[in-house]
């Protein structure tokens, strides 16, 4: 679907913000390929789910929700099925009912499990039972890896990215989507778990790069400040990395802004990294990807890979 078709569909929806009900504003980007945002946390206000995509020039979004959000997702999909073709469900992996909750969500239509962001180890028993479940249900799992406390999230989440190779090898029937600051910082071989968003040239040979190279069941989620920070560090390495892993990566925003332009209190708070505060992460990352790849690779990163992963008709 092109941008004109997308906004024409939006115009029929009475709950849309005013700018999406007529001619698209001049500042809506025109990307070289359609875009599905694979990391979009569903807003409580239905209109805001649409406003972000329309403002950032995004065609569709994979909704990240709680395990019990099927009715809200169904309402959004009924309103605009092309914009919201799929969703993923999360539950507290430390709870005794996690497996049942996630299974019920998949039966209700969820095409994946995640984002999983809890204070556990990535190779511990809580996550291992989820890896087993995802293999059984034949759905991917999206994991947030964090080793360093930051303003937006205190403590460690799924600690142990450097121990993941044997886990991924063991759970070879599970499709892993790896995400967040510990994953993207560890593309560089010199990462020391001190700064969640390291800068400067990338040292080749990091564990995250090797995981993408060594395992066909691994995808990298190009979302949030963490991926944007990595992509911004070393232009030559970024171009080579995207080319080498063009079939193993997909775009996501993980953006807090309300309008696809960086607006709203959440994206302008001190919990957001200063480098992206007041900006739309979707716009920033898509611009970086488009500048760092060919149109053919860009389309894979923004559309084709996600559709194959989620088993959606492209």
Protein backbone atom coordinates (compact mmCIF):
# COMPACT_ATOMS: atom_id res chain seq x y z
CA UNK A 1 0.00 0.00 0.00
CA UNK A 2 1.43 3.43 -0.89
CA UNK A 3 1.13 6.53 1.29
CA UNK A 4 -1.76 8.01 -0.72
CA UNK A 5 -3.79 4.79 -0.38
CA UNK A 6 -2.99 4.58 3.31
CA UNK A 7 -4.17 8.10 4.07
CA UNK A 8 -7.24 7.69 1.88
CA UNK A 9 -8.22 4.76 4.08
CA UNK A 10 -7.57 6.77 7.19
CA UNK A 11 -9.81 9.58 6.02
CA UNK A 12 -12.82 7.30 6.36
CA UNK A 13 -12.13 6.81 10.07
CA UNK A 14 -13.89 9.40 12.20
CA UNK A 15 -11.62 8.89 15.21
CA UNK A 16 -8.56 10.16 13.34
CA UNK A 17 -6.77 13.39 14.17
CA UNK A 18 -7.63 16.26 11.85
CA UNK A 19 -4.45 16.16 9.76
CA UNK A 20 -5.16 12.55 8.71
CA UNK A 21 -8.65 13.31 7.44
CA UNK A 22 -7.60 15.17 4.33
CA UNK A 23 -4.51 15.95 2.27
CA UNK A 24 -1.36 14.60 3.95
CA UNK A 25 0.84 17.34 5.41
CA UNK A 26 3.96 18.27 3.49
CA UNK A 27 6.25 17.06 6.27
CA UNK A 28 5.11 13.39 6.16
CA UNK A 29 8.13 11.45 4.85
CA UNK A 30 7.90 9.49 1.65
CA UNK A 31 10.03 6.38 2.14
CA UNK A 32 11.33 4.36 -0.80
CA UNK A 33 9.32 1.28 0.27
CA UNK A 34 6.27 0.54 2.41
CA UNK A 35 7.04 0.26 6.11
CA UNK A 36 5.72 -2.01 8.84
CA UNK A 37 6.72 -0.94 12.34
CA UNK A 38 7.40 -4.22 14.11
CA UNK A 39 7.81 -2.65 17.56
CA UNK A 40 4.83 -0.43 18.28
CA UNK A 41 3.38 -0.46 21.80
CA UNK A 42 -0.38 -0.06 21.56
CA UNK A 43 -1.68 3.25 22.94
CA UNK A 44 -4.70 3.43 25.20
CA UNK A 45 -6.28 6.08 22.96
CA UNK A 46 -7.22 4.32 19.69
CA UNK A 47 -6.74 7.50 17.64
CA UNK A 48 -3.13 7.84 18.82
CA UNK A 49 -2.28 4.42 17.42
CA UNK A 50 -3.16 5.76 13.98
CA UNK A 51 -1.74 9.26 14.43
CA UNK A 52 1.80 8.00 15.00
CA UNK A 53 1.85 5.89 11.84
CA UNK A 54 0.30 8.60 9.67
CA UNK A 55 2.67 11.28 10.96
CA UNK A 56 5.80 9.17 10.42
CA UNK A 57 4.82 7.88 6.97
CA UNK A 58 4.50 4.32 8.27
CA UNK A 59 2.18 1.96 6.39
CA UNK A 60 1.39 -0.63 9.08
CA UNK A 61 2.29 -1.67 12.59
CA UNK A 62 2.70 -4.82 14.64
CA UNK A 63 1.03 -4.06 17.97
CA UNK A 64 2.79 -5.05 21.19
CA UNK A 65 0.21 -5.64 23.91
CA UNK A 66 -0.67 -7.46 27.10
CA UNK A 67 -1.84 -11.04 26.84
CA UNK A 68 -5.45 -10.02 27.52
CA UNK A 69 -5.69 -7.22 24.93
CA UNK A 70 -7.36 -9.24 22.15
CA UNK A 71 -10.64 -7.23 22.31
CA UNK A 72 -8.82 -3.89 21.95
CA UNK A 73 -6.70 -5.25 19.10
CA UNK A 74 -9.80 -6.60 17.35
CA UNK A 75 -11.44 -3.18 17.56
CA UNK A 76 -8.41 -1.50 15.96
CA UNK A 77 -8.17 -4.16 13.27
CA UNK A 78 -11.85 -3.81 12.45
CA UNK A 79 -11.36 -0.06 12.11
CA UNK A 80 -8.25 -0.33 9.93
CA UNK A 81 -7.11 -3.89 9.11
CA UNK A 82 -4.37 -2.83 6.68
CA UNK A 83 -2.65 -0.66 9.28
CA UNK A 84 -2.74 -3.27 12.05
CA UNK A 85 -2.22 -6.67 10.42
CA UNK A 86 -0.71 -8.43 13.44
CA UNK A 87 0.03 -8.29 17.15
CA UNK A 88 2.21 -9.87 19.81
CA UNK A 89 1.34 -10.57 23.44
CA UNK A 90 3.31 -10.30 26.67
CA UNK A 91 2.83 -11.74 30.15
CA UNK A 92 4.90 -11.78 33.33
CA UNK A 93 7.20 -14.76 32.78
CA UNK A 94 7.73 -15.15 36.53
CA UNK A 95 4.03 -15.80 37.11
CA UNK A 96 2.58 -19.31 37.38
CA UNK A 97 -0.01 -18.63 34.66
CA UNK A 98 2.35 -17.18 32.05
CA UNK A 99 2.24 -20.16 29.71
CA UNK A 100 -1.56 -20.37 29.77
CA UNK A 101 -1.96 -16.61 29.33
CA UNK A 102 0.35 -16.55 26.32
CA UNK A 103 -1.19 -19.67 24.79
CA UNK A 104 -4.64 -18.12 25.11
CA UNK A 105 -3.38 -14.95 23.44
CA UNK A 106 -2.00 -16.91 20.48
CA UNK A 107 -5.28 -18.78 20.19
CA UNK A 108 -7.00 -15.37 20.15
CA UNK A 109 -4.88 -14.24 17.20
CA UNK A 110 -1.47 -13.09 18.47
CA UNK A 111 1.28 -13.99 15.99
CA UNK A 112 4.13 -13.75 18.47
CA UNK A 113 5.16 -13.41 22.11
CA UNK A 114 6.75 -10.25 23.43
CA UNK A 115 8.07 -7.84 24.21
CA UNK A 116 9.38 -9.81 27.21
CA UNK A 117 11.09 -7.39 29.61
CA UNK A 118 11.42 -8.82 33.12
CA UNK A 119 14.08 -9.08 35.80
CA UNK A 120 15.22 -12.59 34.92
CA UNK A 121 18.23 -14.14 33.23
CA UNK A 122 17.90 -14.90 29.54
CA UNK A 123 19.11 -18.47 30.08
CA UNK A 124 17.14 -19.08 33.28
CA UNK A 125 14.13 -21.36 33.86
CA UNK A 126 11.50 -18.62 33.39
CA UNK A 127 12.64 -17.80 29.87
CA UNK A 128 13.44 -21.39 28.91
CA UNK A 129 9.83 -22.43 29.42
CA UNK A 130 8.82 -19.56 27.11
CA UNK A 131 11.29 -20.71 24.45
CA UNK A 132 9.73 -24.17 24.64
CA UNK A 133 6.26 -22.67 24.39
CA UNK A 134 7.15 -20.57 21.34
CA UNK A 135 8.50 -23.64 19.55
CA UNK A 136 5.31 -25.53 20.40
CA UNK A 137 3.05 -22.69 19.24
CA UNK A 138 5.30 -21.89 16.25
CA UNK A 139 5.48 -18.16 16.99
CA UNK A 140 8.51 -15.86 17.45
CA UNK A 141 9.59 -14.37 20.78
CA UNK A 142 10.75 -10.75 21.16
CA UNK A 143 13.27 -10.26 23.99
CA UNK A 144 14.52 -7.06 25.65
CA UNK A 145 18.17 -7.44 26.75
CA UNK A 146 19.46 -4.92 29.30
CA UNK A 147 22.55 -5.06 31.51
CA UNK A 148 22.82 -1.43 32.71
CA UNK A 149 20.35 0.72 34.66
CA UNK A 150 19.07 3.73 32.75
CA UNK A 151 16.53 6.50 33.28
CA UNK A 152 13.70 4.64 31.60
CA UNK A 153 14.29 1.24 33.23
CA UNK A 154 16.02 0.36 36.48
CA UNK A 155 18.11 -2.81 36.75
CA UNK A 156 18.74 -5.72 34.41
CA UNK A 157 16.29 -7.42 32.09
CA UNK A 158 16.97 -10.81 30.49
CA UNK A 159 20.56 -10.52 31.65
CA UNK A 160 23.10 -12.66 29.83
CA UNK A 161 23.18 -11.85 26.11
CA UNK A 162 26.76 -13.13 25.97
CA UNK A 163 25.55 -16.56 27.11
CA UNK A 164 22.81 -16.85 24.46
CA UNK A 165 24.62 -18.82 21.73
CA UNK A 166 24.23 -22.25 23.38
CA UNK A 167 20.64 -21.41 24.34
CA UNK A 168 19.71 -20.50 20.76
CA UNK A 169 21.46 -23.64 19.52
CA UNK A 170 19.47 -25.76 21.99
CA UNK A 171 16.13 -24.12 21.09
CA UNK A 172 16.69 -24.35 17.35
CA UNK A 173 12.95 -24.59 16.64
CA UNK A 174 12.30 -21.26 18.38
CA UNK A 175 12.42 -18.03 16.38
CA UNK A 176 14.23 -15.36 18.42
CA UNK A 177 13.86 -11.59 17.91
CA UNK A 178 16.65 -9.85 19.85
CA UNK A 179 16.31 -6.23 20.94
CA UNK A 180 17.40 -3.40 23.26
CA UNK A 181 20.59 -1.79 24.50
CA UNK A 182 22.57 -4.87 25.57
CA UNK A 183 21.95 -6.53 22.22
CA UNK A 184 22.87 -3.52 20.08
CA UNK A 185 25.82 -2.43 22.23
CA UNK A 186 27.23 -5.95 21.94
CA UNK A 187 27.56 -5.70 18.18
CA UNK A 188 30.92 -4.19 19.12
CA UNK A 189 33.44 -6.68 20.51
CA UNK A 190 34.75 -4.21 23.11
CA UNK A 191 31.47 -3.64 24.97
CA UNK A 192 32.05 -3.63 28.73
CA UNK A 193 28.50 -3.31 30.18
CA UNK A 194 29.11 0.22 31.50
CA UNK A 195 27.30 2.58 29.12
CA UNK A 196 23.96 1.44 27.70
CA UNK A 197 24.52 3.56 24.59
CA UNK A 198 28.24 3.46 23.69
CA UNK A 199 29.58 5.70 20.95
CA UNK A 200 32.55 5.66 18.63
CA UNK A 201 33.77 3.17 16.03
CA UNK A 202 32.48 -0.40 16.26
CA UNK A 203 35.02 -3.15 16.92
CA UNK A 204 34.11 -6.13 14.70
CA UNK A 205 33.35 -9.53 16.20
CA UNK A 206 30.77 -8.71 18.89
CA UNK A 207 28.44 -11.43 20.15
CA UNK A 208 25.31 -9.88 18.61
CA UNK A 209 26.89 -9.80 15.16
CA UNK A 210 27.93 -13.44 15.58
CA UNK A 211 24.45 -14.53 16.68
CA UNK A 212 22.94 -13.03 13.54
CA UNK A 213 25.59 -14.73 11.41
CA UNK A 214 25.51 -18.14 13.06
CA UNK A 215 21.80 -18.83 13.59
CA UNK A 216 19.02 -18.80 11.02
CA UNK A 217 16.42 -18.61 13.80
CA UNK A 218 17.67 -15.18 15.01
CA UNK A 219 16.38 -11.77 13.92
CA UNK A 220 17.49 -8.33 15.11
CA UNK A 221 14.85 -5.71 15.93
CA UNK A 222 16.04 -2.28 14.68
CA UNK A 223 13.98 -0.42 17.28
CA UNK A 224 14.38 2.21 19.96
CA UNK A 225 17.27 4.51 20.84
CA UNK A 226 19.47 1.43 21.23
CA UNK A 227 19.35 0.43 17.56
CA UNK A 228 19.38 4.03 16.39
CA UNK A 229 22.45 4.71 18.51
CA UNK A 230 24.23 1.68 17.06
CA UNK A 231 23.34 2.63 13.49
CA UNK A 232 24.69 6.14 14.11
CA UNK A 233 28.08 5.11 15.52
CA UNK A 234 30.10 4.04 12.52
CA UNK A 235 28.71 4.72 9.04
CA UNK A 236 31.00 2.30 7.21
CA UNK A 237 30.33 -0.52 9.65
CA UNK A 238 26.58 0.19 9.52
CA UNK A 239 26.48 -0.13 5.74
CA UNK A 240 28.40 -3.41 5.85
CA UNK A 241 26.33 -4.76 8.77
CA UNK A 242 23.01 -4.04 7.08
CA UNK A 243 24.21 -5.61 3.86
CA UNK A 244 25.51 -8.76 5.57
CA UNK A 245 22.37 -9.22 7.68
CA UNK A 246 19.79 -7.91 5.25
CA UNK A 247 17.67 -11.06 5.67
CA UNK A 248 17.96 -11.13 9.49
CA UNK A 249 16.84 -7.62 10.47
CA UNK A 250 13.57 -5.71 10.53
CA UNK A 251 12.56 -2.15 11.36
CA UNK A 252 10.79 -1.18 14.57
CA UNK A 253 10.33 2.18 16.25
CA UNK A 254 9.59 1.61 19.96
CA UNK A 255 8.75 5.31 19.85
CA UNK A 256 6.85 7.14 22.60
CA UNK A 257 5.79 10.12 20.54
CA UNK A 258 2.13 10.78 19.85
CA UNK A 259 2.15 12.20 16.33
CA UNK A 260 5.06 10.79 14.34
CA UNK A 261 6.87 14.09 14.85
CA UNK A 262 8.26 13.77 18.38
CA UNK A 263 5.30 15.36 20.12
CA UNK A 264 3.73 14.45 23.45
CA UNK A 265 4.86 14.38 27.06
CA UNK A 266 6.24 10.84 27.02
CA UNK A 267 8.79 11.53 24.27
CA UNK A 268 9.81 14.82 25.86
CA UNK A 269 10.40 13.58 29.41
CA UNK A 270 13.72 13.07 31.18
CA UNK A 271 13.17 9.29 30.90
CA UNK A 272 14.00 9.55 27.20
CA UNK A 273 17.64 9.69 26.07
CA UNK A 274 18.60 13.30 25.25
CA UNK A 275 19.69 12.41 21.70
CA UNK A 276 16.15 11.37 20.72
CA UNK A 277 14.12 13.52 23.11
CA UNK A 278 11.43 15.47 21.27
CA UNK A 279 12.03 13.49 18.09
CA UNK A 280 10.23 10.61 16.39
CA UNK A 281 12.38 7.48 16.58
CA UNK A 282 10.59 5.98 13.56
CA UNK A 283 11.57 8.95 11.39
CA UNK A 284 15.16 9.00 12.66
CA UNK A 285 15.79 5.30 12.15
CA UNK A 286 14.06 5.05 8.79
CA UNK A 287 16.12 7.99 7.52
CA UNK A 288 19.31 6.27 8.71
CA UNK A 289 18.35 2.99 7.07
CA UNK A 290 17.42 4.65 3.80
CA UNK A 291 20.73 6.54 3.72
CA UNK A 292 22.75 3.42 4.59
CA UNK A 293 21.29 0.85 2.17
CA UNK A 294 20.10 0.29 -1.36
CA UNK A 295 16.36 0.53 -2.09
CA UNK A 296 16.27 -3.27 -2.40
CA UNK A 297 17.79 -3.81 1.05
CA UNK A 298 15.68 -1.04 2.58
CA UNK A 299 12.53 -2.83 1.42
CA UNK A 300 13.68 -6.04 3.07
CA UNK A 301 14.35 -4.24 6.35
CA UNK A 302 11.07 -2.33 6.38
CA UNK A 303 8.66 -4.81 4.82
CA UNK A 304 9.70 -8.18 3.40
CA UNK A 305 11.55 -9.68 6.37
CA UNK A 306 8.79 -8.85 8.84
CA UNK A 307 6.13 -10.34 6.60
CA UNK A 308 8.10 -13.56 6.27
CA UNK A 309 8.73 -13.73 10.03
CA UNK A 310 5.08 -13.12 10.93
CA UNK A 311 3.75 -15.24 8.06
CA UNK A 312 1.81 -12.34 6.57
CA UNK A 313 0.92 -12.01 2.90
CA UNK A 314 3.31 -9.41 1.47
